[in-house]
Amino acid sequence: MESEVLDKGEQPVQGYVRIPLPILEIVIGLIVLAILSWYVVQAYLLPKPFNSHDIGAGGFPLLVAFGTGIATISMIGLAVARLMGKMGRSDSRWRRPLFVLIVALLLVGQAVSFETLGVYLCVALFSAAIMVAAGERRILHVLGVPIGLVAFIYVVFALALNVVFP
């Protein structure tokens, strides 16, 4: 933990973790690329379309993976440029690192729980939990946002697109 450099008139904020942003971007970018490579392999294993003009079951996941991969490689390239001094550098400051870890674990838990809890219940519970872990204490927001989010997902996917979720 370090003390924050202050401008004139600012109050000090104690107790935060400071990580150089380029280092964080490179580490997270490499993790994302590793996950994307697994995702691409899984997408290629999906069945091929019967119609040659169709994208098939794996087409959209591949499109998402390659788009995300291009963005991630760009982020890593900019981070390397910052480390080499070609661009300005900044830090990522985590004032509540434990809550950052809790929110990250909640996001992983949500991804793992979709099939067992069902999409609507999972989205409602985990969005409320993430809001509380991120510091939201207004009860109407903690209850209203998950309800609105679930209603939006239902209207768009179930009613408009006729997608059946588990």
Protein backbone atom coordinates (compact mmCIF):
# COMPACT_ATOMS: atom_id res chain seq x y z
CA MET A 1 0.00 0.00 0.00
CA GLU A 2 1.27 3.45 -0.87
CA SER A 3 0.29 7.03 -0.28
CA GLU A 4 -1.38 8.82 -3.13
CA VAL A 5 0.29 11.79 -4.85
CA LEU A 6 -2.00 14.76 -4.30
CA ASP A 7 -2.78 17.86 -6.27
CA LYS A 8 -3.36 21.12 -4.43
CA GLY A 9 -6.51 20.97 -2.30
CA GLU A 10 -7.04 17.18 -2.50
CA GLN A 11 -7.49 15.02 0.57
CA PRO A 12 -5.34 11.89 0.93
CA VAL A 13 -6.95 8.49 0.47
CA GLN A 14 -5.14 5.83 2.45
CA GLY A 15 -5.15 2.09 2.02
CA TYR A 16 -5.24 1.28 -1.65
CA VAL A 17 -3.30 -1.08 -3.87
CA ARG A 18 -1.56 0.54 -6.82
CA ILE A 19 -0.67 -1.57 -9.85
CA PRO A 20 0.96 -0.16 -13.01
CA LEU A 21 -1.79 -0.27 -15.63
CA PRO A 22 0.41 -1.54 -18.52
CA ILE A 23 1.53 -4.53 -16.44
CA LEU A 24 -2.06 -5.28 -15.46
CA GLU A 25 -3.22 -4.99 -19.08
CA ILE A 26 -0.52 -7.38 -20.31
CA VAL A 27 -1.21 -9.99 -17.61
CA ILE A 28 -4.99 -9.85 -18.01
CA GLY A 29 -4.63 -9.75 -21.81
CA LEU A 30 -2.55 -12.93 -21.84
CA ILE A 31 -5.11 -14.65 -19.60
CA VAL A 32 -7.92 -13.55 -21.93
CA LEU A 33 -6.00 -14.82 -24.98
CA ALA A 34 -5.51 -18.20 -23.30
CA ILE A 35 -9.24 -18.43 -22.56
CA LEU A 36 -10.08 -17.31 -26.11
CA SER A 37 -7.85 -20.00 -27.60
CA TRP A 38 -9.76 -22.65 -25.63
CA TYR A 39 -13.03 -21.01 -26.72
CA VAL A 40 -11.99 -21.13 -30.40
CA VAL A 41 -11.07 -24.82 -30.13
CA GLN A 42 -14.49 -25.56 -28.59
CA ALA A 43 -16.26 -23.52 -31.30
CA TYR A 44 -14.49 -25.49 -34.04
CA LEU A 45 -15.74 -28.73 -32.45
CA LEU A 46 -19.38 -27.66 -32.86
CA PRO A 47 -21.29 -29.26 -35.75
CA LYS A 48 -20.90 -27.79 -39.21
CA PRO A 49 -23.99 -26.28 -40.87
CA PHE A 50 -26.03 -28.29 -43.36
CA ASN A 51 -26.47 -25.21 -45.53
CA SER A 52 -23.20 -23.89 -46.94
CA HIS A 53 -24.48 -20.30 -46.68
CA ASP A 54 -25.25 -20.64 -42.97
CA ILE A 55 -22.70 -19.77 -40.30
CA GLY A 56 -23.55 -22.84 -38.22
CA ALA A 57 -23.45 -23.38 -34.48
CA GLY A 58 -19.80 -22.37 -34.18
CA GLY A 59 -19.87 -19.38 -36.53
CA PHE A 60 -21.07 -16.75 -34.08
CA PRO A 61 -18.77 -17.91 -31.24
CA LEU A 62 -15.83 -17.75 -33.66
CA LEU A 63 -16.80 -14.24 -34.72
CA VAL A 64 -16.98 -13.15 -31.06
CA ALA A 65 -13.67 -14.86 -30.27
CA PHE A 66 -11.78 -13.28 -33.16
CA GLY A 67 -13.23 -9.83 -32.48
CA THR A 68 -12.33 -10.10 -28.81
CA GLY A 69 -8.90 -11.44 -29.75
CA ILE A 70 -8.18 -8.44 -31.98
CA ALA A 71 -9.24 -6.05 -29.21
CA THR A 72 -7.14 -7.92 -26.64
CA ILE A 73 -4.04 -7.97 -28.86
CA SER A 74 -4.50 -4.22 -29.43
CA MET A 75 -4.72 -3.67 -25.67
CA ILE A 76 -1.53 -5.66 -25.11
CA GLY A 77 0.24 -3.73 -27.89
CA LEU A 78 -0.72 -0.39 -26.35
CA ALA A 79 0.42 -1.61 -22.94
CA VAL A 80 3.81 -2.59 -24.36
CA ALA A 81 4.07 0.85 -26.01
CA ARG A 82 3.35 2.47 -22.63
CA LEU A 83 6.02 0.36 -20.98
CA MET A 84 8.55 1.39 -23.63
CA GLY A 85 7.81 5.05 -22.90
CA LYS A 86 6.07 5.82 -26.19
CA MET A 87 2.82 6.80 -24.43
CA GLY A 88 1.81 8.17 -21.04
CA ARG A 89 1.61 5.71 -18.16
CA SER A 90 -0.96 5.44 -15.42
CA ASP A 91 -1.78 3.20 -12.49
CA SER A 92 -4.77 1.14 -11.52
CA ARG A 93 -5.71 1.94 -7.93
CA TRP A 94 -7.84 -0.48 -5.99
CA ARG A 95 -9.11 1.14 -2.84
CA ARG A 96 -10.97 -1.99 -1.76
CA PRO A 97 -8.99 -4.94 -3.16
CA LEU A 98 -10.96 -7.50 -1.17
CA PHE A 99 -14.21 -6.32 -2.75
CA VAL A 100 -12.60 -6.39 -6.20
CA LEU A 101 -11.71 -10.04 -5.57
CA ILE A 102 -15.22 -10.77 -4.27
CA VAL A 103 -16.83 -9.24 -7.38
CA ALA A 104 -14.48 -11.22 -9.64
CA LEU A 105 -15.43 -14.43 -7.82
CA LEU A 106 -19.12 -13.53 -8.09
CA LEU A 107 -18.75 -13.12 -11.87
CA VAL A 108 -17.09 -16.54 -12.13
CA GLY A 109 -19.80 -18.00 -9.89
CA GLN A 110 -22.48 -16.52 -12.11
CA ALA A 111 -20.96 -18.08 -15.22
CA VAL A 112 -20.76 -21.47 -13.51
CA SER A 113 -24.30 -21.27 -12.09
CA PHE A 114 -26.27 -20.44 -15.25
CA GLU A 115 -27.31 -24.01 -16.00
CA THR A 116 -28.07 -25.06 -12.43
CA LEU A 117 -30.00 -21.96 -11.32
CA GLY A 118 -31.46 -20.99 -14.67
CA VAL A 119 -30.72 -17.76 -16.50
CA TYR A 120 -33.34 -15.54 -14.91
CA LEU A 121 -32.73 -16.51 -11.28
CA CYS A 122 -28.96 -16.50 -11.80
CA VAL A 123 -28.96 -13.03 -13.35
CA ALA A 124 -31.23 -11.65 -10.62
CA LEU A 125 -29.28 -13.09 -7.68
CA PHE A 126 -25.80 -12.40 -8.96
CA SER A 127 -26.53 -8.89 -10.23
CA ALA A 128 -27.89 -7.97 -6.78
CA ALA A 129 -24.89 -9.61 -5.07
CA ILE A 130 -22.43 -7.81 -7.36
CA MET A 131 -24.12 -4.48 -6.69
CA VAL A 132 -23.91 -5.02 -2.91
CA ALA A 133 -20.26 -6.14 -3.16
CA ALA A 134 -19.47 -3.04 -5.25
CA GLY A 135 -20.88 -0.80 -2.53
CA GLU A 136 -24.48 -0.16 -3.54
CA ARG A 137 -26.66 0.15 -0.44
CA ARG A 138 -29.86 1.72 -1.78
CA ILE A 139 -32.44 -1.03 -1.45
CA LEU A 140 -34.54 0.13 -4.39
CA HIS A 141 -31.51 -0.07 -6.67
CA VAL A 142 -30.43 -3.46 -5.32
CA LEU A 143 -33.92 -4.85 -5.94
CA GLY A 144 -35.01 -2.79 -8.95
CA VAL A 145 -32.01 -3.19 -11.23
CA PRO A 146 -32.00 -7.03 -11.16
CA ILE A 147 -35.76 -7.10 -11.77
CA GLY A 148 -35.40 -4.68 -14.69
CA LEU A 149 -32.45 -6.62 -16.08
CA VAL A 150 -34.34 -9.92 -15.93
CA ALA A 151 -37.40 -8.31 -17.52
CA PHE A 152 -35.24 -6.90 -20.34
CA ILE A 153 -33.59 -10.28 -20.96
CA TYR A 154 -36.99 -11.98 -20.99
CA VAL A 155 -38.55 -9.48 -23.41
CA VAL A 156 -35.61 -9.44 -25.82
CA PHE A 157 -34.64 -13.10 -25.82
CA ALA A 158 -37.77 -15.05 -24.88
CA LEU A 159 -40.44 -12.89 -26.50
CA ALA A 160 -38.69 -11.14 -29.39
CA LEU A 161 -36.10 -13.74 -30.41
CA ASN A 162 -37.91 -16.86 -29.15
CA VAL A 163 -34.81 -18.15 -27.34
CA VAL A 164 -35.50 -20.81 -24.71
CA PHE A 165 -33.17 -20.63 -21.71
CA PRO A 166 -32.64 -23.45 -19.20
